[in-house]
Amino acid sequence: VRVDKDVELVKEYFKLDHVSWPDMSPVLMPRSYTKRYIDGEIQLESQVEAILGAQQRVSAASDVLLLEGTGHVGVGSVVEMNNAKVASLMGADVVLVANGGIGSSFDELEMNHSMVLAAG
């Protein structure tokens, strides 16, 4: 089973034996994923079904559901399923984590914040 490396760490460290590996990484985007999406081999609906199905199963088996995105909130936009859209789809609140510093840190935070608001 292929899973995100962060998922492997969290599952093992917190001993989340009650949650399946695929439900912790319902959509993986390996190298060929974008091409397959553009070519129509992967549909938006299949991504939504995988994410919402995993959410339902994990929620039913757990007291808390914590989501972790990768990179900035726009990651995944090319396949119409970015981090902001996933959070909105799942009805999740978002905590944006910014790099330290001034200038570009605030610029990136504002861009990410705007994208989260736009996604709903």
Foldseek 3Di string as FASTA:
>chain_A
DDADPVLVVCCVVVVPVVADRCLLHVDDQPDCNLVCLVVPVDAPVSSLCSNVVSVVSVVVRDPDDDDDFPDAQCPPVSNPDGNLLSCVSSVHDDDDDFDDDDDVRVVSVVVRVVSNVVSD
